[in-house]
Amino acid sequence: MGEPKTLYAEFTARRGHEDEVERLVAGLAEHVRREPGNVSFIAHRLAEDPAAFFVYEEYADADAFGAHLRSEHSIAFNAELSAHIVEDGSRLTWLERI
């Protein structure tokens, strides 16, 4: 097994789309947490800006993350999310353990 793949994703719901984005993220979380290589998937709304979303994700290794990206639920989520957020897609930040 390789090194864990850890990241966080950030995105901002369009005005009036906040609850729909939360519904989409909550649905995705249910699927991702059942993926064999998923270690953690924790989604948040920022306290000071409920339109801003922050999702912490950790996968066992690069293969597990690749499988996550290719999963039907992830593909469907990203396709639908794009209509509801300000950005062109999630902003991903990769993390390394120390």
PDB file of N, CA and C in Angstrom:
ATOM      1  N   MET A   1       0.842  -1.174   0.000  1.00  0.00           N
ATOM      2  CA  MET A   1       0.000   0.000   0.000  1.00  0.00           C
ATOM      3  C   MET A   1       0.889   1.239   0.000  1.00  0.00           C
ATOM      4  N   GLY A   2       0.497   2.265  -0.759  1.00  0.00           N
ATOM      5  CA  GLY A   2       1.277   3.489  -0.845  1.00  0.00           C
ATOM      6  C   GLY A   2       0.950   4.465   0.262  1.00  0.00           C
ATOM      7  N   GLU A   3       1.414   5.671   0.075  1.00  0.00           N
ATOM      8  CA  GLU A   3       1.159   6.745   1.041  1.00  0.00           C
ATOM      9  C   GLU A   3      -0.309   7.172   0.993  1.00  0.00           C
ATOM     10  N   PRO A   4      -0.865   7.572   2.132  1.00  0.00           N
ATOM     11  CA  PRO A   4      -2.237   8.087   2.141  1.00  0.00           C
ATOM     12  C   PRO A   4      -2.341   9.343   1.273  1.00  0.00           C
ATOM     13  N   LYS A   5      -3.493   9.543   0.678  1.00  0.00           N
ATOM     14  CA  LYS A   5      -3.792  10.755  -0.088  1.00  0.00           C
ATOM     15  C   LYS A   5      -4.781  11.555   0.751  1.00  0.00           C
ATOM     16  N   THR A   6      -4.355  12.756   1.152  1.00  0.00           N
ATOM     17  CA  THR A   6      -5.162  13.594   2.027  1.00  0.00           C
ATOM     18  C   THR A   6      -5.322  14.960   1.397  1.00  0.00           C
ATOM     19  N   LEU A   7      -6.519  15.478   1.451  1.00  0.00           N
ATOM     20  CA  LEU A   7      -6.799  16.771   0.835  1.00  0.00           C
ATOM     21  C   LEU A   7      -7.997  17.414   1.507  1.00  0.00           C
ATOM     22  N   TYR A   8      -8.169  18.694   1.184  1.00  0.00           N
ATOM     23  CA  TYR A   8      -9.463  19.304   1.487  1.00  0.00           C
ATOM     24  C   TYR A   8      -9.952  20.005   0.242  1.00  0.00           C
ATOM     25  N   ALA A   9     -11.264  20.009   0.120  1.00  0.00           N
ATOM     26  CA  ALA A   9     -11.931  20.643  -1.010  1.00  0.00           C
ATOM     27  C   ALA A   9     -12.760  21.800  -0.475  1.00  0.00           C
ATOM     28  N   GLU A  10     -12.739  22.902  -1.209  1.00  0.00           N
ATOM     29  CA  GLU A  10     -13.527  24.072  -0.830  1.00  0.00           C
ATOM     30  C   GLU A  10     -14.345  24.526  -2.026  1.00  0.00           C
ATOM     31  N   PHE A  11     -15.561  24.979  -1.748  1.00  0.00           N
ATOM     32  CA  PHE A  11     -16.408  25.547  -2.795  1.00  0.00           C
ATOM     33  C   PHE A  11     -17.482  26.396  -2.137  1.00  0.00           C
ATOM     34  N   THR A  12     -18.079  27.294  -2.917  1.00  0.00           N
ATOM     35  CA  THR A  12     -19.053  28.245  -2.408  1.00  0.00           C
ATOM     36  C   THR A  12     -20.357  28.104  -3.172  1.00  0.00           C
ATOM     37  N   ALA A  13     -21.439  27.905  -2.443  1.00  0.00           N
ATOM     38  CA  ALA A  13     -22.743  27.776  -3.072  1.00  0.00           C
ATOM     39  C   ALA A  13     -23.195  29.128  -3.643  1.00  0.00           C
ATOM     40  N   ARG A  14     -23.865  29.059  -4.783  1.00  0.00           N
ATOM     41  CA  ARG A  14     -24.500  30.264  -5.331  1.00  0.00           C
ATOM     42  C   ARG A  14     -25.607  30.700  -4.366  1.00  0.00           C
ATOM     43  N   ARG A  15     -25.913  31.966  -4.381  1.00  0.00           N
ATOM     44  CA  ARG A  15     -26.968  32.491  -3.511  1.00  0.00           C
ATOM     45  C   ARG A  15     -28.267  31.724  -3.800  1.00  0.00           C
ATOM     46  N   GLY A  16     -28.881  31.239  -2.765  1.00  0.00           N
ATOM     47  CA  GLY A  16     -30.119  30.489  -2.891  1.00  0.00           C
ATOM     48  C   GLY A  16     -29.929  29.001  -3.145  1.00  0.00           C
ATOM     49  N   HIS A  17     -28.677  28.550  -3.322  1.00  0.00           N
ATOM     50  CA  HIS A  17     -28.385  27.147  -3.598  1.00  0.00           C
ATOM     51  C   HIS A  17     -27.725  26.442  -2.411  1.00  0.00           C
ATOM     52  N   GLU A  18     -27.608  27.135  -1.292  1.00  0.00           N
ATOM     53  CA  GLU A  18     -26.873  26.590  -0.146  1.00  0.00           C
ATOM     54  C   GLU A  18     -27.444  25.256   0.335  1.00  0.00           C
ATOM     55  N   ASP A  19     -28.758  25.163   0.478  1.00  0.00           N
ATOM     56  CA  ASP A  19     -29.359  23.935   0.980  1.00  0.00           C
ATOM     57  C   ASP A  19     -29.216  22.788  -0.023  1.00  0.00           C
ATOM     58  N   GLU A  20     -29.283  23.089  -1.309  1.00  0.00           N
ATOM     59  CA  GLU A  20     -29.105  22.061  -2.329  1.00  0.00           C
ATOM     60  C   GLU A  20     -27.669  21.530  -2.312  1.00  0.00           C
ATOM     61  N   VAL A  21     -26.707  22.425  -2.149  1.00  0.00           N
ATOM     62  CA  VAL A  21     -25.309  21.985  -2.058  1.00  0.00           C
ATOM     63  C   VAL A  21     -25.125  21.113  -0.819  1.00  0.00           C
ATOM     64  N   GLU A  22     -25.707  21.501   0.287  1.00  0.00           N
ATOM     65  CA  GLU A  22     -25.603  20.672   1.496  1.00  0.00           C
ATOM     66  C   GLU A  22     -26.213  19.294   1.258  1.00  0.00           C
ATOM     67  N   ARG A  23     -27.348  19.232   0.591  1.00  0.00           N
ATOM     68  CA  ARG A  23     -27.987  17.951   0.291  1.00  0.00           C
ATOM     69  C   ARG A  23     -27.081  17.083  -0.584  1.00  0.00           C
ATOM     70  N   LEU A  24     -26.477  17.702  -1.603  1.00  0.00           N
ATOM     71  CA  LEU A  24     -25.577  16.960  -2.487  1.00  0.00           C
ATOM     72  C   LEU A  24     -24.364  16.418  -1.735  1.00  0.00           C
ATOM     73  N   VAL A  25     -23.772  17.259  -0.902  1.00  0.00           N
ATOM     74  CA  VAL A  25     -22.579  16.849  -0.150  1.00  0.00           C
ATOM     75  C   VAL A  25     -22.930  15.746   0.846  1.00  0.00           C
ATOM     76  N   ALA A  26     -24.055  15.881   1.524  1.00  0.00           N
ATOM     77  CA  ALA A  26     -24.460  14.848   2.480  1.00  0.00           C
ATOM     78  C   ALA A  26     -24.695  13.514   1.776  1.00  0.00           C
ATOM     79  N   GLY A  27     -25.303  13.546   0.600  1.00  0.00           N
ATOM     80  CA  GLY A  27     -25.517  12.321  -0.170  1.00  0.00           C
ATOM     81  C   GLY A  27     -24.209  11.700  -0.616  1.00  0.00           C
ATOM     82  N   LEU A  28     -23.285  12.542  -1.082  1.00  0.00           N
ATOM     83  CA  LEU A  28     -21.982  12.038  -1.489  1.00  0.00           C
ATOM     84  C   LEU A  28     -21.265  11.402  -0.308  1.00  0.00           C
ATOM     85  N   ALA A  29     -21.324  12.041   0.844  1.00  0.00           N
ATOM     86  CA  ALA A  29     -20.638  11.541   2.034  1.00  0.00           C
ATOM     87  C   ALA A  29     -21.071  10.113   2.361  1.00  0.00           C
ATOM     88  N   GLU A  30     -22.363   9.829   2.242  1.00  0.00           N
ATOM     89  CA  GLU A  30     -22.858   8.480   2.539  1.00  0.00           C
ATOM     90  C   GLU A  30     -22.187   7.441   1.646  1.00  0.00           C
ATOM     91  N   HIS A  31     -22.019   7.772   0.362  1.00  0.00           N
ATOM     92  CA  HIS A  31     -21.390   6.842  -0.575  1.00  0.00           C
ATOM     93  C   HIS A  31     -19.888   6.721  -0.322  1.00  0.00           C
ATOM     94  N   VAL A  32     -19.224   7.862  -0.171  1.00  0.00           N
ATOM     95  CA  VAL A  32     -17.762   7.862  -0.055  1.00  0.00           C
ATOM     96  C   VAL A  32     -17.314   7.115   1.194  1.00  0.00           C
ATOM     97  N   ARG A  33     -18.035   7.279   2.270  1.00  0.00           N
ATOM     98  CA  ARG A  33     -17.648   6.610   3.517  1.00  0.00           C
ATOM     99  C   ARG A  33     -17.719   5.093   3.415  1.00  0.00           C
ATOM    100  N   ARG A  34     -18.423   4.580   2.417  1.00  0.00           N
ATOM    101  CA  ARG A  34     -18.503   3.132   2.195  1.00  0.00           C
ATOM    102  C   ARG A  34     -17.458   2.637   1.196  1.00  0.00           C
ATOM    103  N   GLU A  35     -16.699   3.548   0.581  1.00  0.00           N
ATOM    104  CA  GLU A  35     -15.658   3.131  -0.363  1.00  0.00           C
ATOM    105  C   GLU A  35     -14.566   2.390   0.409  1.00  0.00           C
ATOM    106  N   PRO A  36     -14.068   1.276  -0.145  1.00  0.00           N
ATOM    107  CA  PRO A  36     -13.062   0.487   0.568  1.00  0.00           C
ATOM    108  C   PRO A  36     -11.809   1.271   0.955  1.00  0.00           C
ATOM    109  N   GLY A  37     -11.361   2.208   0.142  1.00  0.00           N
ATOM    110  CA  GLY A  37     -10.134   2.935   0.433  1.00  0.00           C
ATOM    111  C   GLY A  37     -10.332   4.264   1.137  1.00  0.00           C
ATOM    112  N   ASN A  38     -11.569   4.580   1.507  1.00  0.00           N
ATOM    113  CA  ASN A  38     -11.798   5.847   2.197  1.00  0.00           C
ATOM    114  C   ASN A  38     -11.465   5.706   3.673  1.00  0.00           C
ATOM    115  N   VAL A  39     -10.654   6.632   4.176  1.00  0.00           N
ATOM    116  CA  VAL A  39     -10.299   6.674   5.582  1.00  0.00           C
ATOM    117  C   VAL A  39     -11.183   7.681   6.305  1.00  0.00           C
ATOM    118  N   SER A  40     -11.412   8.827   5.662  1.00  0.00           N
ATOM    119  CA  SER A  40     -12.189   9.887   6.292  1.00  0.00           C
ATOM    120  C   SER A  40     -12.811  10.787   5.238  1.00  0.00           C
ATOM    121  N   PHE A  41     -14.044  11.197   5.468  1.00  0.00           N
ATOM    122  CA  PHE A  41     -14.731  12.167   4.619  1.00  0.00           C
ATOM    123  C   PHE A  41     -15.614  12.980   5.543  1.00  0.00           C
ATOM    124  N   ILE A  42     -15.163  14.194   5.861  1.00  0.00           N
ATOM    125  CA  ILE A  42     -15.857  15.034   6.841  1.00  0.00           C
ATOM    126  C   ILE A  42     -16.187  16.361   6.177  1.00  0.00           C
ATOM    127  N   ALA A  43     -17.469  16.644   6.052  1.00  0.00           N
ATOM    128  CA  ALA A  43     -17.932  17.857   5.364  1.00  0.00           C
ATOM    129  C   ALA A  43     -18.405  18.897   6.379  1.00  0.00           C
ATOM    130  N   HIS A  44     -18.126  20.167   6.061  1.00  0.00           N
ATOM    131  CA  HIS A  44     -18.486  21.281   6.936  1.00  0.00           C
ATOM    132  C   HIS A  44     -19.040  22.442   6.116  1.00  0.00           C
ATOM    133  N   ARG A  45     -19.842  23.264   6.789  1.00  0.00           N
ATOM    134  CA  ARG A  45     -20.162  24.600   6.297  1.00  0.00           C
ATOM    135  C   ARG A  45     -19.420  25.546   7.230  1.00  0.00           C
ATOM    136  N   LEU A  46     -18.846  26.599   6.687  1.00  0.00           N
ATOM    137  CA  LEU A  46     -18.107  27.538   7.518  1.00  0.00           C
ATOM    138  C   LEU A  46     -19.072  28.316   8.408  1.00  0.00           C
ATOM    139  N   ALA A  47     -18.732  28.438   9.681  1.00  0.00           N
ATOM    140  CA  ALA A  47     -19.599  29.114  10.644  1.00  0.00           C
ATOM    141  C   ALA A  47     -19.858  30.561  10.251  1.00  0.00           C
ATOM    142  N   GLU A  48     -18.822  31.235   9.740  1.00  0.00           N
ATOM    143  CA  GLU A  48     -18.986  32.661   9.413  1.00  0.00           C
ATOM    144  C   GLU A  48     -19.571  32.900   8.025  1.00  0.00           C
ATOM    145  N   ASP A  49     -19.713  31.838   7.224  1.00  0.00           N
ATOM    146  CA  ASP A  49     -20.273  31.972   5.875  1.00  0.00           C
ATOM    147  C   ASP A  49     -20.922  30.659   5.477  1.00  0.00           C
ATOM    148  N   PRO A  50     -22.227  30.497   5.735  1.00  0.00           N
ATOM    149  CA  PRO A  50     -22.893  29.219   5.465  1.00  0.00           C
ATOM    150  C   PRO A  50     -22.978  28.846   3.986  1.00  0.00           C
ATOM    151  N   ALA A  51     -22.553  29.717   3.099  1.00  0.00           N
ATOM    152  CA  ALA A  51     -22.493  29.379   1.673  1.00  0.00           C
ATOM    153  C   ALA A  51     -21.169  28.709   1.329  1.00  0.00           C
ATOM    154  N   ALA A  52     -20.201  28.780   2.247  1.00  0.00           N
ATOM    155  CA  ALA A  52     -18.870  28.221   2.009  1.00  0.00           C
ATOM    156  C   ALA A  52     -18.784  26.823   2.606  1.00  0.00           C
ATOM    157  N   PHE A  53     -18.302  25.876   1.800  1.00  0.00           N
ATOM    158  CA  PHE A  53     -18.192  24.481   2.203  1.00  0.00           C
ATOM    159  C   PHE A  53     -16.733  24.063   2.232  1.00  0.00           C
ATOM    160  N   PHE A  54     -16.414  23.184   3.190  1.00  0.00           N
ATOM    161  CA  PHE A  54     -15.068  22.677   3.392  1.00  0.00           C
ATOM    162  C   PHE A  54     -15.204  21.174   3.634  1.00  0.00           C
ATOM    163  N   VAL A  55     -14.507  20.371   2.833  1.00  0.00           N
ATOM    164  CA  VAL A  55     -14.600  18.920   2.973  1.00  0.00           C
ATOM    165  C   VAL A  55     -13.192  18.355   3.137  1.00  0.00           C
ATOM    166  N   TYR A  56     -12.956  17.671   4.260  1.00  0.00           N
ATOM    167  CA  TYR A  56     -11.685  17.009   4.533  1.00  0.00           C
ATOM    168  C   TYR A  56     -11.813  15.565   4.074  1.00  0.00           C
ATOM    169  N   GLU A  57     -10.844  15.105   3.280  1.00  0.00           N
ATOM    170  CA  GLU A  57     -10.896  13.755   2.736  1.00  0.00           C
ATOM    171  C   GLU A  57      -9.549  13.060   2.904  1.00  0.00           C
ATOM    172  N   GLU A  58      -9.603  11.780   3.262  1.00  0.00           N
ATOM    173  CA  GLU A  58      -8.377  10.985   3.319  1.00  0.00           C
ATOM    174  C   GLU A  58      -8.668   9.612   2.737  1.00  0.00           C
ATOM    175  N   TYR A  59      -7.733   9.156   1.893  1.00  0.00           N
ATOM    176  CA  TYR A  59      -7.840   7.862   1.222  1.00  0.00           C
ATOM    177  C   TYR A  59      -6.586   7.053   1.542  1.00  0.00           C
ATOM    178  N   ALA A  60      -6.718   5.741   1.519  1.00  0.00           N
ATOM    179  CA  ALA A  60      -5.613   4.860   1.896  1.00  0.00           C
ATOM    180  C   ALA A  60      -4.377   5.089   1.035  1.00  0.00           C
ATOM    181  N   ASP A  61      -4.568   5.368  -0.246  1.00  0.00           N
ATOM    182  CA  ASP A  61      -3.446   5.572  -1.158  1.00  0.00           C
ATOM    183  C   ASP A  61      -3.964   6.167  -2.469  1.00  0.00           C
ATOM    184  N   ALA A  62      -3.069   6.363  -3.414  1.00  0.00           N
ATOM    185  CA  ALA A  62      -3.442   6.978  -4.694  1.00  0.00           C
ATOM    186  C   ALA A  62      -4.446   6.126  -5.457  1.00  0.00           C
ATOM    187  N   ASP A  63      -4.324   4.804  -5.371  1.00  0.00           N
ATOM    188  CA  ASP A  63      -5.283   3.938  -6.053  1.00  0.00           C
ATOM    189  C   ASP A  63      -6.689   4.115  -5.488  1.00  0.00           C
ATOM    190  N   ALA A  64      -6.789   4.224  -4.182  1.00  0.00           N
ATOM    191  CA  ALA A  64      -8.094   4.430  -3.547  1.00  0.00           C
ATOM    192  C   ALA A  64      -8.688   5.770  -3.966  1.00  0.00           C
ATOM    193  N   PHE A  65      -7.843   6.801  -4.035  1.00  0.00           N
ATOM    194  CA  PHE A  65      -8.346   8.107  -4.471  1.00  0.00           C
ATOM    195  C   PHE A  65      -8.783   8.045  -5.937  1.00  0.00           C
ATOM    196  N   GLY A  66      -8.011   7.367  -6.770  1.00  0.00           N
ATOM    197  CA  GLY A  66      -8.385   7.212  -8.174  1.00  0.00           C
ATOM    198  C   GLY A  66      -9.714   6.485  -8.325  1.00  0.00           C
ATOM    199  N   ALA A  67      -9.913   5.433  -7.546  1.00  0.00           N
ATOM    200  CA  ALA A  67     -11.184   4.708  -7.573  1.00  0.00           C
ATOM    201  C   ALA A  67     -12.323   5.619  -7.145  1.00  0.00           C
ATOM    202  N   HIS A  68     -12.076   6.449  -6.159  1.00  0.00           N
ATOM    203  CA  HIS A  68     -13.083   7.418  -5.715  1.00  0.00           C
ATOM    204  C   HIS A  68     -13.472   8.353  -6.861  1.00  0.00           C
ATOM    205  N   LEU A  69     -12.486   8.889  -7.547  1.00  0.00           N
ATOM    206  CA  LEU A  69     -12.776   9.814  -8.653  1.00  0.00           C
ATOM    207  C   LEU A  69     -13.548   9.139  -9.775  1.00  0.00           C
ATOM    208  N   ARG A  70     -13.303   7.869 -10.016  1.00  0.00           N
ATOM    209  CA  ARG A  70     -13.965   7.146 -11.107  1.00  0.00           C
ATOM    210  C   ARG A  70     -15.328   6.579 -10.716  1.00  0.00           C
ATOM    211  N   SER A  71     -15.682   6.670  -9.444  1.00  0.00           N
ATOM    212  CA  SER A  71     -16.951   6.091  -8.999  1.00  0.00           C
ATOM    213  C   SER A  71     -18.129   6.856  -9.598  1.00  0.00           C
ATOM    214  N   GLU A  72     -19.215   6.128  -9.830  1.00  0.00           N
ATOM    215  CA  GLU A  72     -20.419   6.753 -10.394  1.00  0.00           C
ATOM    216  C   GLU A  72     -20.920   7.884  -9.517  1.00  0.00           C
ATOM    217  N   HIS A  73     -20.904   7.692  -8.195  1.00  0.00           N
ATOM    218  CA  HIS A  73     -21.435   8.717  -7.306  1.00  0.00           C
ATOM    219  C   HIS A  73     -20.585   9.989  -7.332  1.00  0.00           C
ATOM    220  N   SER A  74     -19.267   9.856  -7.460  1.00  0.00           N
ATOM    221  CA  SER A  74     -18.414  11.051  -7.533  1.00  0.00           C
ATOM    222  C   SER A  74     -18.600  11.785  -8.856  1.00  0.00           C
ATOM    223  N   ILE A  75     -18.685  11.042  -9.941  1.00  0.00           N
ATOM    224  CA  ILE A  75     -18.901  11.660 -11.250  1.00  0.00           C
ATOM    225  C   ILE A  75     -20.231  12.399 -11.275  1.00  0.00           C
ATOM    226  N   ALA A  76     -21.286  11.765 -10.771  1.00  0.00           N
ATOM    227  CA  ALA A  76     -22.608  12.407 -10.742  1.00  0.00           C
ATOM    228  C   ALA A  76     -22.600  13.641  -9.842  1.00  0.00           C
ATOM    229  N   PHE A  77     -21.945  13.532  -8.682  1.00  0.00           N
ATOM    230  CA  PHE A  77     -21.875  14.663  -7.756  1.00  0.00           C
ATOM    231  C   PHE A  77     -21.206  15.867  -8.413  1.00  0.00           C
ATOM    232  N   ASN A  78     -20.028  15.654  -9.001  1.00  0.00           N
ATOM    233  CA  ASN A  78     -19.295  16.770  -9.607  1.00  0.00           C
ATOM    234  C   ASN A  78     -20.057  17.390 -10.766  1.00  0.00           C
ATOM    235  N   ALA A  79     -20.761  16.582 -11.537  1.00  0.00           N
ATOM    236  CA  ALA A  79     -21.556  17.111 -12.650  1.00  0.00           C
ATOM    237  C   ALA A  79     -22.690  17.983 -12.130  1.00  0.00           C
ATOM    238  N   GLU A  80     -23.349  17.530 -11.087  1.00  0.00           N
ATOM    239  CA  GLU A  80     -24.472  18.291 -10.549  1.00  0.00           C
ATOM    240  C   GLU A  80     -24.012  19.501  -9.731  1.00  0.00           C
ATOM    241  N   LEU A  81     -22.928  19.344  -8.991  1.00  0.00           N
ATOM    242  CA  LEU A  81     -22.436  20.429  -8.151  1.00  0.00           C
ATOM    243  C   LEU A  81     -22.128  21.683  -8.958  1.00  0.00           C
ATOM    244  N   SER A  82     -21.579  21.517 -10.135  1.00  0.00           N
ATOM    245  CA  SER A  82     -21.123  22.663 -10.930  1.00  0.00           C
ATOM    246  C   SER A  82     -22.223  23.682 -11.193  1.00  0.00           C
ATOM    247  N   ALA A  83     -23.467  23.262 -11.235  1.00  0.00           N
ATOM    248  CA  ALA A  83     -24.579  24.189 -11.476  1.00  0.00           C
ATOM    249  C   ALA A  83     -24.951  24.983 -10.228  1.00  0.00           C
ATOM    250  N   HIS A  84     -24.418  24.583  -9.084  1.00  0.00           N
ATOM    251  CA  HIS A  84     -24.842  25.181  -7.821  1.00  0.00           C
ATOM    252  C   HIS A  84     -23.754  25.961  -7.091  1.00  0.00           C
ATOM    253  N   ILE A  85     -22.538  25.998  -7.646  1.00  0.00           N
ATOM    254  CA  ILE A  85     -21.456  26.700  -6.950  1.00  0.00           C
ATOM    255  C   ILE A  85     -20.905  27.848  -7.788  1.00  0.00           C
ATOM    256  N   VAL A  86     -20.266  28.765  -7.124  1.00  0.00           N
ATOM    257  CA  VAL A  86     -19.694  29.958  -7.741  1.00  0.00           C
ATOM    258  C   VAL A  86     -18.486  29.601  -8.609  1.00  0.00           C
ATOM    259  N   GLU A  87     -17.634  28.718  -8.114  1.00  0.00           N
ATOM    260  CA  GLU A  87     -16.399  28.368  -8.797  1.00  0.00           C
ATOM    261  C   GLU A  87     -16.689  27.411  -9.967  1.00  0.00           C
ATOM    262  N   ASP A  88     -15.672  27.208 -10.803  1.00  0.00           N
ATOM    263  CA  ASP A  88     -15.785  26.234 -11.890  1.00  0.00           C
ATOM    264  C   ASP A  88     -15.766  24.802 -11.355  1.00  0.00           C
ATOM    265  N   GLY A  89     -15.253  24.608 -10.175  1.00  0.00           N
ATOM    266  CA  GLY A  89     -15.175  23.296  -9.530  1.00  0.00           C
ATOM    267  C   GLY A  89     -14.608  23.464  -8.144  1.00  0.00           C
ATOM    268  N   SER A  90     -14.498  22.368  -7.431  1.00  0.00           N
ATOM    269  CA  SER A  90     -13.917  22.411  -6.088  1.00  0.00           C
ATOM    270  C   SER A  90     -12.456  22.837  -6.166  1.00  0.00           C
ATOM    271  N   ARG A  91     -12.034  23.667  -5.203  1.00  0.00           N
ATOM    272  CA  ARG A  91     -10.615  24.004  -5.057  1.00  0.00           C
ATOM    273  C   ARG A  91     -10.012  22.940  -4.145  1.00  0.00           C
ATOM    274  N   LEU A  92      -9.039  22.205  -4.651  1.00  0.00           N
ATOM    275  CA  LEU A  92      -8.419  21.143  -3.875  1.00  0.00           C
ATOM    276  C   LEU A  92      -7.079  21.595  -3.326  1.00  0.00           C
ATOM    277  N   THR A  93      -6.825  21.274  -2.068  1.00  0.00           N
ATOM    278  CA  THR A  93      -5.547  21.523  -1.429  1.00  0.00           C
ATOM    279  C   THR A  93      -5.037  20.197  -0.895  1.00  0.00           C
ATOM    280  N   TRP A  94      -3.866  19.797  -1.361  1.00  0.00           N
ATOM    281  CA  TRP A  94      -3.265  18.514  -0.951  1.00  0.00           C
ATOM    282  C   TRP A  94      -2.460  18.702   0.319  1.00  0.00           C
ATOM    283  N   LEU A  95      -2.541  17.727   1.208  1.00  0.00           N
ATOM    284  CA  LEU A  95      -1.839  17.783   2.491  1.00  0.00           C
ATOM    285  C   LEU A  95      -0.845  16.640   2.592  1.00  0.00           C
ATOM    286  N   GLU A  96       0.245  16.877   3.332  1.00  0.00           N
ATOM    287  CA  GLU A  96       1.225  15.837   3.618  1.00  0.00           C
ATOM    288  C   GLU A  96       1.358  15.722   5.132  1.00  0.00           C
ATOM    289  N   ARG A  97       1.380  14.506   5.619  1.00  0.00           N
ATOM    290  CA  ARG A  97       1.532  14.292   7.054  1.00  0.00           C
ATOM    291  C   ARG A  97       2.929  14.658   7.508  1.00  0.00           C
ATOM    292  N   ILE A  98       3.007  15.134   8.742  1.00  0.00           N
ATOM    293  CA  ILE A  98       4.311  15.439   9.334  1.00  0.00           C
ATOM    294  C   ILE A  98       4.483  14.622  10.604  1.00  0.00           C
TER     295      ILE A  98
END
